Amino acid sequence: MPNLVMEYSNTVEERVNVQGLLEDLHQVAIESGLFDVASIKSRTLRCHHWLLGEEQDDSDFIHVTFELLDGRTEEQKRDLSRALIEVLAAQASQIRSLTINIRDMDRSCFQKVVN
């Protein structure tokens, strides 16, 4: 059930292969061995309006949120975060702000329908 969401400022597309980066981040999730491969979902959200400090939209960013059902250890989540940021930094070092956040979802409240 993990969801990888890569948000980025629209200026990023001028300097980064967004689809290629998404595919490589998705591959990190697959290779982590923490998830059923068929359940991993990855997508991007392009942001047209953003603020970074006092710089308005003059600075660009990429932020990855990785949501997963609770139950993984802190070490597993930290290793996943480090592997994701390594790929992000390698492919988007020219982007001013690169961030990753791993979030636990409450397993008892998660609902899913697969048709």
N, C-alpha and C. Protein backbone atom coordinates (compact mmCIF):
# COMPACT_ATOMS: atom_id res chain seq x y z
N MET A 1 0.78 -1.19 0.00
CA MET A 1 0.00 0.00 0.00
C MET A 1 0.83 1.26 0.00
N PRO A 2 2.08 1.23 -0.06
CA PRO A 2 2.83 2.48 0.04
C PRO A 2 2.52 3.43 -1.11
N ASN A 3 2.49 4.70 -0.77
CA ASN A 3 2.28 5.77 -1.75
C ASN A 3 3.46 6.71 -1.72
N LEU A 4 4.13 6.84 -2.85
CA LEU A 4 5.21 7.80 -3.01
C LEU A 4 4.66 8.96 -3.83
N VAL A 5 4.69 10.15 -3.24
CA VAL A 5 4.20 11.35 -3.93
C VAL A 5 5.36 12.34 -4.02
N MET A 6 5.75 12.67 -5.24
CA MET A 6 6.83 13.63 -5.46
C MET A 6 6.22 14.96 -5.90
N GLU A 7 6.25 15.94 -5.02
CA GLU A 7 5.79 17.28 -5.34
C GLU A 7 7.00 18.08 -5.82
N TYR A 8 6.78 18.94 -6.80
CA TYR A 8 7.91 19.73 -7.29
C TYR A 8 7.43 21.04 -7.89
N SER A 9 8.28 22.04 -7.81
CA SER A 9 7.98 23.34 -8.42
C SER A 9 8.07 23.19 -9.94
N ASN A 10 7.21 23.90 -10.64
CA ASN A 10 7.14 23.70 -12.09
C ASN A 10 8.45 24.03 -12.80
N THR A 11 9.32 24.78 -12.19
CA THR A 11 10.62 25.10 -12.80
C THR A 11 11.56 23.90 -12.84
N VAL A 12 11.28 22.90 -12.04
CA VAL A 12 12.13 21.70 -11.97
C VAL A 12 12.17 21.00 -13.32
N GLU A 13 11.06 20.99 -14.04
CA GLU A 13 10.99 20.27 -15.32
C GLU A 13 11.99 20.78 -16.35
N GLU A 14 12.48 21.99 -16.17
CA GLU A 14 13.47 22.54 -17.10
C GLU A 14 14.85 21.91 -16.91
N ARG A 15 15.09 21.32 -15.72
CA ARG A 15 16.44 20.82 -15.41
C ARG A 15 16.51 19.38 -14.96
N VAL A 16 15.36 18.75 -14.73
CA VAL A 16 15.35 17.38 -14.21
C VAL A 16 14.40 16.54 -15.07
N ASN A 17 14.81 15.33 -15.35
CA ASN A 17 13.92 14.38 -16.01
C ASN A 17 12.97 13.84 -14.94
N VAL A 18 11.82 14.49 -14.82
CA VAL A 18 10.88 14.17 -13.75
C VAL A 18 10.40 12.72 -13.84
N GLN A 19 10.04 12.26 -15.01
CA GLN A 19 9.56 10.87 -15.16
C GLN A 19 10.66 9.88 -14.81
N GLY A 20 11.87 10.13 -15.27
CA GLY A 20 12.99 9.26 -14.95
C GLY A 20 13.29 9.23 -13.47
N LEU A 21 13.23 10.39 -12.82
CA LEU A 21 13.45 10.45 -11.38
C LEU A 21 12.37 9.69 -10.64
N LEU A 22 11.11 9.86 -11.04
CA LEU A 22 10.02 9.12 -10.41
C LEU A 22 10.23 7.61 -10.55
N GLU A 23 10.61 7.18 -11.73
CA GLU A 23 10.85 5.75 -11.95
C GLU A 23 11.97 5.23 -11.05
N ASP A 24 13.03 6.01 -10.88
CA ASP A 24 14.14 5.58 -10.04
C ASP A 24 13.75 5.55 -8.56
N LEU A 25 12.95 6.52 -8.10
CA LEU A 25 12.47 6.51 -6.73
C LEU A 25 11.55 5.31 -6.49
N HIS A 26 10.71 5.04 -7.47
CA HIS A 26 9.81 3.87 -7.41
C HIS A 26 10.64 2.59 -7.29
N GLN A 27 11.72 2.52 -8.03
CA GLN A 27 12.60 1.34 -7.99
C GLN A 27 13.23 1.17 -6.61
N VAL A 28 13.56 2.28 -5.95
CA VAL A 28 14.09 2.20 -4.58
C VAL A 28 13.07 1.52 -3.67
N ALA A 29 11.81 1.89 -3.82
CA ALA A 29 10.76 1.27 -3.00
C ALA A 29 10.67 -0.22 -3.28
N ILE A 30 10.74 -0.58 -4.56
CA ILE A 30 10.70 -2.00 -4.93
C ILE A 30 11.87 -2.74 -4.32
N GLU A 31 13.07 -2.21 -4.48
CA GLU A 31 14.28 -2.88 -4.02
C GLU A 31 14.43 -2.91 -2.50
N SER A 32 13.65 -2.09 -1.80
CA SER A 32 13.75 -2.07 -0.34
C SER A 32 13.33 -3.40 0.27
N GLY A 33 12.48 -4.14 -0.45
CA GLY A 33 12.00 -5.41 0.06
C GLY A 33 10.98 -5.27 1.18
N LEU A 34 10.52 -4.06 1.44
CA LEU A 34 9.57 -3.83 2.53
C LEU A 34 8.11 -3.99 2.13
N PHE A 35 7.84 -4.07 0.81
CA PHE A 35 6.47 -3.99 0.34
C PHE A 35 6.17 -5.06 -0.71
N ASP A 36 4.90 -5.39 -0.83
CA ASP A 36 4.42 -6.18 -1.95
C ASP A 36 4.55 -5.27 -3.17
N VAL A 37 5.33 -5.67 -4.15
CA VAL A 37 5.65 -4.82 -5.30
C VAL A 37 4.39 -4.30 -5.99
N ALA A 38 3.39 -5.15 -6.14
CA ALA A 38 2.17 -4.74 -6.85
C ALA A 38 1.40 -3.64 -6.13
N SER A 39 1.68 -3.43 -4.85
CA SER A 39 0.94 -2.43 -4.09
C SER A 39 1.59 -1.05 -4.07
N ILE A 40 2.80 -0.93 -4.59
CA ILE A 40 3.53 0.35 -4.56
C ILE A 40 2.95 1.29 -5.62
N LYS A 41 2.58 2.50 -5.18
CA LYS A 41 2.05 3.51 -6.09
C LYS A 41 2.93 4.75 -6.01
N SER A 42 3.34 5.25 -7.16
CA SER A 42 4.18 6.45 -7.20
C SER A 42 3.60 7.43 -8.19
N ARG A 43 3.65 8.71 -7.84
CA ARG A 43 3.11 9.74 -8.72
C ARG A 43 3.76 11.08 -8.42
N THR A 44 3.56 12.01 -9.34
CA THR A 44 4.09 13.36 -9.15
C THR A 44 2.95 14.36 -9.08
N LEU A 45 3.23 15.46 -8.42
CA LEU A 45 2.33 16.60 -8.37
C LEU A 45 3.15 17.85 -8.67
N ARG A 46 2.86 18.46 -9.79
CA ARG A 46 3.56 19.68 -10.18
C ARG A 46 2.88 20.87 -9.51
N CYS A 47 3.67 21.69 -8.85
CA CYS A 47 3.14 22.86 -8.15
C CYS A 47 3.41 24.12 -8.97
N HIS A 48 2.37 24.89 -9.15
CA HIS A 48 2.48 26.13 -9.93
C HIS A 48 2.66 27.35 -9.03
N HIS A 49 2.33 27.22 -7.78
CA HIS A 49 2.46 28.33 -6.83
C HIS A 49 3.10 27.79 -5.56
N TRP A 50 4.14 28.46 -5.07
CA TRP A 50 4.83 28.02 -3.87
C TRP A 50 5.61 29.18 -3.29
N LEU A 51 5.98 29.04 -2.04
CA LEU A 51 6.81 30.02 -1.34
C LEU A 51 7.89 29.26 -0.59
N LEU A 52 9.10 29.75 -0.66
CA LEU A 52 10.22 29.20 0.12
C LEU A 52 10.85 30.36 0.88
N GLY A 53 10.64 30.40 2.16
CA GLY A 53 11.18 31.50 2.95
C GLY A 53 10.70 32.83 2.42
N GLU A 54 11.60 33.75 2.21
CA GLU A 54 11.26 35.07 1.69
C GLU A 54 11.51 35.18 0.19
N GLU A 55 11.82 34.07 -0.45
CA GLU A 55 12.22 34.09 -1.85
C GLU A 55 11.07 33.92 -2.83
N GLN A 56 9.84 33.87 -2.31
CA GLN A 56 8.66 33.68 -3.15
C GLN A 56 8.85 32.43 -4.00
N ASP A 57 8.60 32.52 -5.30
CA ASP A 57 8.76 31.34 -6.16
C ASP A 57 10.04 31.42 -6.99
N ASP A 58 11.04 32.13 -6.46
CA ASP A 58 12.33 32.24 -7.15
C ASP A 58 13.21 31.00 -6.94
N SER A 59 12.92 30.23 -5.92
CA SER A 59 13.69 29.02 -5.63
C SER A 59 12.83 27.80 -5.90
N ASP A 60 13.47 26.73 -6.35
CA ASP A 60 12.72 25.53 -6.69
C ASP A 60 12.89 24.45 -5.62
N PHE A 61 12.02 23.45 -5.69
CA PHE A 61 12.05 22.40 -4.68
C PHE A 61 11.53 21.09 -5.25
N ILE A 62 11.91 20.01 -4.59
CA ILE A 62 11.30 18.71 -4.76
C ILE A 62 11.09 18.16 -3.34
N HIS A 63 9.88 17.73 -3.07
CA HIS A 63 9.57 17.12 -1.77
C HIS A 63 8.89 15.79 -2.02
N VAL A 64 9.43 14.74 -1.43
CA VAL A 64 8.86 13.40 -1.55
C VAL A 64 8.21 13.02 -0.23
N THR A 65 6.95 12.68 -0.31
CA THR A 65 6.23 12.12 0.83
C THR A 65 6.03 10.64 0.54
N PHE A 66 6.41 9.80 1.48
CA PHE A 66 6.26 8.36 1.32
C PHE A 66 5.38 7.87 2.46
N GLU A 67 4.14 7.53 2.14
CA GLU A 67 3.20 7.04 3.14
C GLU A 67 3.16 5.52 3.11
N LEU A 68 3.23 4.91 4.29
CA LEU A 68 3.18 3.46 4.37
C LEU A 68 2.41 3.05 5.62
N LEU A 69 1.84 1.87 5.57
CA LEU A 69 1.12 1.38 6.74
C LEU A 69 2.09 1.20 7.90
N ASP A 70 1.62 1.51 9.08
CA ASP A 70 2.48 1.39 10.26
C ASP A 70 2.93 -0.05 10.45
N GLY A 71 3.99 -0.21 11.20
CA GLY A 71 4.53 -1.54 11.46
C GLY A 71 5.98 -1.71 11.07
N ARG A 72 6.53 -0.77 10.31
CA ARG A 72 7.96 -0.84 9.97
C ARG A 72 8.77 -0.25 11.11
N THR A 73 9.99 -0.73 11.27
CA THR A 73 10.86 -0.21 12.33
C THR A 73 11.40 1.16 11.93
N GLU A 74 11.87 1.89 12.93
CA GLU A 74 12.51 3.19 12.66
C GLU A 74 13.71 3.02 11.73
N GLU A 75 14.46 1.96 11.94
CA GLU A 75 15.63 1.70 11.10
C GLU A 75 15.22 1.44 9.65
N GLN A 76 14.17 0.66 9.43
CA GLN A 76 13.70 0.41 8.06
C GLN A 76 13.27 1.71 7.39
N LYS A 77 12.55 2.55 8.11
CA LYS A 77 12.08 3.82 7.55
C LYS A 77 13.26 4.77 7.28
N ARG A 78 14.21 4.78 8.19
CA ARG A 78 15.40 5.63 8.02
C ARG A 78 16.22 5.16 6.81
N ASP A 79 16.39 3.86 6.65
CA ASP A 79 17.12 3.32 5.50
C ASP A 79 16.41 3.66 4.19
N LEU A 80 15.09 3.54 4.18
CA LEU A 80 14.32 3.90 3.00
C LEU A 80 14.48 5.38 2.68
N SER A 81 14.39 6.22 3.69
CA SER A 81 14.55 7.66 3.50
C SER A 81 15.92 8.01 2.94
N ARG A 82 16.95 7.38 3.47
CA ARG A 82 18.32 7.63 2.99
C ARG A 82 18.51 7.17 1.55
N ALA A 83 17.94 6.02 1.21
CA ALA A 83 18.06 5.53 -0.17
C ALA A 83 17.33 6.46 -1.14
N LEU A 84 16.17 6.96 -0.73
CA LEU A 84 15.42 7.89 -1.59
C LEU A 84 16.17 9.21 -1.77
N ILE A 85 16.73 9.76 -0.69
CA ILE A 85 17.42 11.05 -0.79
C ILE A 85 18.70 10.91 -1.61
N GLU A 86 19.34 9.75 -1.58
CA GLU A 86 20.53 9.54 -2.41
C GLU A 86 20.18 9.66 -3.89
N VAL A 87 19.09 9.03 -4.30
CA VAL A 87 18.66 9.12 -5.70
C VAL A 87 18.27 10.54 -6.03
N LEU A 88 17.53 11.17 -5.14
CA LEU A 88 17.09 12.55 -5.36
C LEU A 88 18.29 13.48 -5.51
N ALA A 89 19.24 13.38 -4.61
CA ALA A 89 20.42 14.25 -4.66
C ALA A 89 21.27 13.99 -5.90
N ALA A 90 21.37 12.74 -6.32
CA ALA A 90 22.18 12.41 -7.49
C ALA A 90 21.58 12.98 -8.78
N GLN A 91 20.27 13.01 -8.87
CA GLN A 91 19.62 13.44 -10.11
C GLN A 91 19.14 14.88 -10.10
N ALA A 92 19.09 15.49 -8.92
CA ALA A 92 18.52 16.84 -8.85
C ALA A 92 19.35 17.76 -7.96
N SER A 93 20.66 17.60 -7.99
CA SER A 93 21.53 18.40 -7.12
C SER A 93 21.44 19.90 -7.40
N GLN A 94 20.98 20.27 -8.57
CA GLN A 94 20.87 21.68 -8.92
C GLN A 94 19.59 22.33 -8.38
N ILE A 95 18.71 21.54 -7.78
CA ILE A 95 17.48 22.05 -7.21
C ILE A 95 17.76 22.50 -5.78
N ARG A 96 17.26 23.67 -5.41
CA ARG A 96 17.64 24.28 -4.13
C ARG A 96 17.21 23.46 -2.92
N SER A 97 15.98 22.99 -2.89
CA SER A 97 15.48 22.30 -1.70
C SER A 97 15.02 20.89 -2.07
N LEU A 98 15.67 19.90 -1.46
CA LEU A 98 15.32 18.50 -1.67
C LEU A 98 14.97 17.91 -0.31
N THR A 99 13.76 17.37 -0.17
CA THR A 99 13.34 16.83 1.11
C THR A 99 12.56 15.54 0.94
N ILE A 100 12.62 14.71 1.97
CA ILE A 100 11.91 13.42 2.02
C ILE A 100 11.21 13.35 3.38
N ASN A 101 9.99 12.85 3.39
CA ASN A 101 9.30 12.58 4.65
C ASN A 101 8.61 11.23 4.55
N ILE A 102 8.91 10.36 5.50
CA ILE A 102 8.26 9.05 5.59
C ILE A 102 7.15 9.18 6.63
N ARG A 103 5.94 8.79 6.25
CA ARG A 103 4.79 8.90 7.16
C ARG A 103 4.14 7.54 7.37
N ASP A 104 3.87 7.23 8.62
CA ASP A 104 3.09 6.04 8.95
C ASP A 104 1.60 6.36 8.83
N MET A 105 0.87 5.41 8.26
CA MET A 105 -0.59 5.50 8.21
C MET A 105 -1.14 4.49 9.21
N ASP A 106 -2.22 4.83 9.85
CA ASP A 106 -2.85 3.96 10.83
C ASP A 106 -3.51 2.77 10.12
N ARG A 107 -2.98 1.61 10.33
CA ARG A 107 -3.46 0.39 9.67
C ARG A 107 -4.93 0.13 9.98
N SER A 108 -5.37 0.43 11.18
CA SER A 108 -6.76 0.15 11.55
C SER A 108 -7.76 1.06 10.86
N CYS A 109 -7.29 2.20 10.34
CA CYS A 109 -8.18 3.14 9.65
C CYS A 109 -8.06 3.10 8.14
N PHE A 110 -7.08 2.43 7.63
CA PHE A 110 -6.88 2.38 6.18
C PHE A 110 -7.91 1.47 5.52
N GLN A 111 -8.48 1.92 4.44
CA GLN A 111 -9.45 1.14 3.68
C GLN A 111 -8.98 1.03 2.23
N LYS A 112 -9.31 -0.08 1.59
CA LYS A 112 -8.85 -0.29 0.22
C LYS A 112 -9.88 -1.14 -0.53
N VAL A 113 -10.14 -0.75 -1.78
CA VAL A 113 -10.99 -1.53 -2.67
C VAL A 113 -10.19 -1.77 -3.93
N VAL A 114 -10.05 -3.02 -4.31
CA VAL A 114 -9.37 -3.35 -5.56
C VAL A 114 -10.37 -4.08 -6.44
N ASN A 115 -10.57 -3.56 -7.64
CA ASN A 115 -11.51 -4.19 -8.58
C ASN A 115 -10.76 -4.93 -9.67
